[in-house]
Amino acid sequence: MATAIDALEATTNALVDITEKLKLAQQTTEEMFISSPDDNEDSQDNISE
C-alpha cells in the first residue's frame, strides 16, 4: 500500500513539473506570436518602399 502511495505522489509531482514547463512554453510561444506581427509589418514596409 505504501508503495502505491509513493508511486502516486511521484506521479503527481512529475505532473506538476510537466504542467509548469508547459505553462512556460505557452508563455514563450505567445510572446513569439505577439512580437511576430510587428516584425512582419516592418519587413513588409521595408519591401514596399
N, C-alpha and C. Protein backbone atom coordinates (compact mmCIF):
# COMPACT_ATOMS: atom_id res chain seq x y z
N MET A 1 0.83 -1.20 0.00
CA MET A 1 0.00 0.00 0.00
C MET A 1 0.87 1.26 0.00
N ALA A 2 1.92 1.24 0.81
CA ALA A 2 2.80 2.40 0.87
C ALA A 2 3.49 2.63 -0.47
N THR A 3 3.82 1.54 -1.15
CA THR A 3 4.47 1.66 -2.45
C THR A 3 3.54 2.33 -3.46
N ALA A 4 2.27 1.98 -3.43
CA ALA A 4 1.30 2.60 -4.34
C ALA A 4 1.16 4.08 -4.04
N ILE A 5 1.14 4.44 -2.78
CA ILE A 5 1.03 5.85 -2.40
C ILE A 5 2.27 6.61 -2.84
N ASP A 6 3.45 6.00 -2.66
CA ASP A 6 4.69 6.64 -3.10
C ASP A 6 4.68 6.84 -4.62
N ALA A 7 4.18 5.85 -5.33
CA ALA A 7 4.12 5.96 -6.79
C ALA A 7 3.16 7.07 -7.21
N LEU A 8 2.03 7.18 -6.54
CA LEU A 8 1.07 8.24 -6.85
C LEU A 8 1.65 9.62 -6.54
N GLU A 9 2.37 9.73 -5.44
CA GLU A 9 3.00 11.01 -5.09
C GLU A 9 4.05 11.39 -6.13
N ALA A 10 4.84 10.42 -6.55
CA ALA A 10 5.87 10.69 -7.56
C ALA A 10 5.22 11.10 -8.88
N THR A 11 4.14 10.43 -9.24
CA THR A 11 3.43 10.77 -10.47
C THR A 11 2.83 12.17 -10.38
N THR A 12 2.26 12.49 -9.25
CA THR A 12 1.68 13.83 -9.05
C THR A 12 2.75 14.90 -9.16
N ASN A 13 3.90 14.67 -8.53
CA ASN A 13 5.00 15.64 -8.60
C ASN A 13 5.50 15.79 -10.04
N ALA A 14 5.58 14.69 -10.76
CA ALA A 14 6.01 14.76 -12.15
C ALA A 14 5.02 15.55 -12.99
N LEU A 15 3.73 15.33 -12.75
CA LEU A 15 2.70 16.07 -13.48
C LEU A 15 2.75 17.56 -13.18
N VAL A 16 3.04 17.92 -11.94
CA VAL A 16 3.17 19.33 -11.57
C VAL A 16 4.34 19.94 -12.33
N ASP A 17 5.47 19.24 -12.37
CA ASP A 17 6.64 19.74 -13.10
C ASP A 17 6.33 19.91 -14.58
N ILE A 18 5.67 18.92 -15.17
CA ILE A 18 5.32 19.00 -16.60
C ILE A 18 4.37 20.16 -16.85
N THR A 19 3.40 20.35 -15.97
CA THR A 19 2.44 21.45 -16.12
C THR A 19 3.15 22.79 -16.08
N GLU A 20 4.09 22.95 -15.16
CA GLU A 20 4.83 24.21 -15.07
C GLU A 20 5.65 24.46 -16.34
N LYS A 21 6.28 23.40 -16.86
CA LYS A 21 7.06 23.55 -18.09
C LYS A 21 6.16 23.89 -19.27
N LEU A 22 4.98 23.29 -19.33
CA LEU A 22 4.05 23.59 -20.42
C LEU A 22 3.54 25.03 -20.34
N LYS A 23 3.29 25.52 -19.14
CA LYS A 23 2.86 26.92 -18.98
C LYS A 23 3.95 27.87 -19.46
N LEU A 24 5.20 27.57 -19.11
CA LEU A 24 6.31 28.41 -19.55
C LEU A 24 6.45 28.36 -21.07
N ALA A 25 6.30 27.17 -21.64
CA ALA A 25 6.38 27.04 -23.10
C ALA A 25 5.25 27.81 -23.77
N GLN A 26 4.06 27.78 -23.20
CA GLN A 26 2.93 28.52 -23.76
C GLN A 26 3.19 30.01 -23.72
N GLN A 27 3.72 30.50 -22.59
CA GLN A 27 4.02 31.93 -22.48
C GLN A 27 5.06 32.34 -23.51
N THR A 28 6.09 31.52 -23.67
CA THR A 28 7.14 31.82 -24.64
C THR A 28 6.58 31.86 -26.05
N THR A 29 5.72 30.90 -26.36
CA THR A 29 5.11 30.85 -27.69
C THR A 29 4.22 32.06 -27.92
N GLU A 30 3.43 32.43 -26.92
CA GLU A 30 2.56 33.60 -27.06
C GLU A 30 3.39 34.86 -27.28
N GLU A 31 4.50 34.99 -26.55
CA GLU A 31 5.36 36.16 -26.73
C GLU A 31 5.94 36.20 -28.14
N MET A 32 6.27 35.04 -28.68
CA MET A 32 6.80 34.99 -30.05
C MET A 32 5.75 35.47 -31.04
N PHE A 33 4.51 35.03 -30.87
CA PHE A 33 3.46 35.42 -31.81
C PHE A 33 3.04 36.88 -31.62
N ILE A 34 3.12 37.37 -30.39
CA ILE A 34 2.77 38.77 -30.14
C ILE A 34 3.81 39.68 -30.79
N SER A 35 5.07 39.34 -30.71
CA SER A 35 6.12 40.18 -31.28
C SER A 35 6.27 39.94 -32.78
N SER A 36 5.82 38.81 -33.28
CA SER A 36 5.98 38.47 -34.69
C SER A 36 5.25 39.41 -35.65
N PRO A 37 3.98 39.76 -35.41
CA PRO A 37 3.30 40.67 -36.35
C PRO A 37 4.01 42.01 -36.49
N ASP A 38 4.56 42.55 -35.43
CA ASP A 38 5.29 43.81 -35.52
C ASP A 38 6.50 43.66 -36.42
N ASP A 39 7.20 42.55 -36.26
CA ASP A 39 8.38 42.32 -37.10
C ASP A 39 7.96 42.16 -38.56
N ASN A 40 6.87 41.44 -38.80
CA ASN A 40 6.42 41.23 -40.18
C ASN A 40 5.96 42.53 -40.82
N GLU A 41 5.28 43.38 -40.06
CA GLU A 41 4.83 44.65 -40.61
C GLU A 41 6.02 45.51 -41.00
N ASP A 42 7.05 45.52 -40.18
CA ASP A 42 8.24 46.29 -40.50
C ASP A 42 8.88 45.76 -41.77
N SER A 43 8.94 44.45 -41.89
CA SER A 43 9.55 43.85 -43.08
C SER A 43 8.75 44.19 -44.32
N GLN A 44 7.43 44.12 -44.24
CA GLN A 44 6.59 44.44 -45.39
C GLN A 44 6.73 45.90 -45.77
N ASP A 45 6.83 46.78 -44.79
CA ASP A 45 7.01 48.20 -45.08
C ASP A 45 8.33 48.43 -45.80
N ASN A 46 9.36 47.74 -45.36
CA ASN A 46 10.67 47.92 -45.98
C ASN A 46 10.67 47.40 -47.41
N ILE A 47 9.95 46.31 -47.67
CA ILE A 47 9.91 45.74 -49.01
C ILE A 47 9.14 46.66 -49.96
N SER A 48 8.05 47.25 -49.49
CA SER A 48 7.22 48.07 -50.36
C SER A 48 7.87 49.41 -50.69
N GLU A 49 8.83 49.84 -49.89
CA GLU A 49 9.45 51.14 -50.15
C GLU A 49 10.52 51.07 -51.15
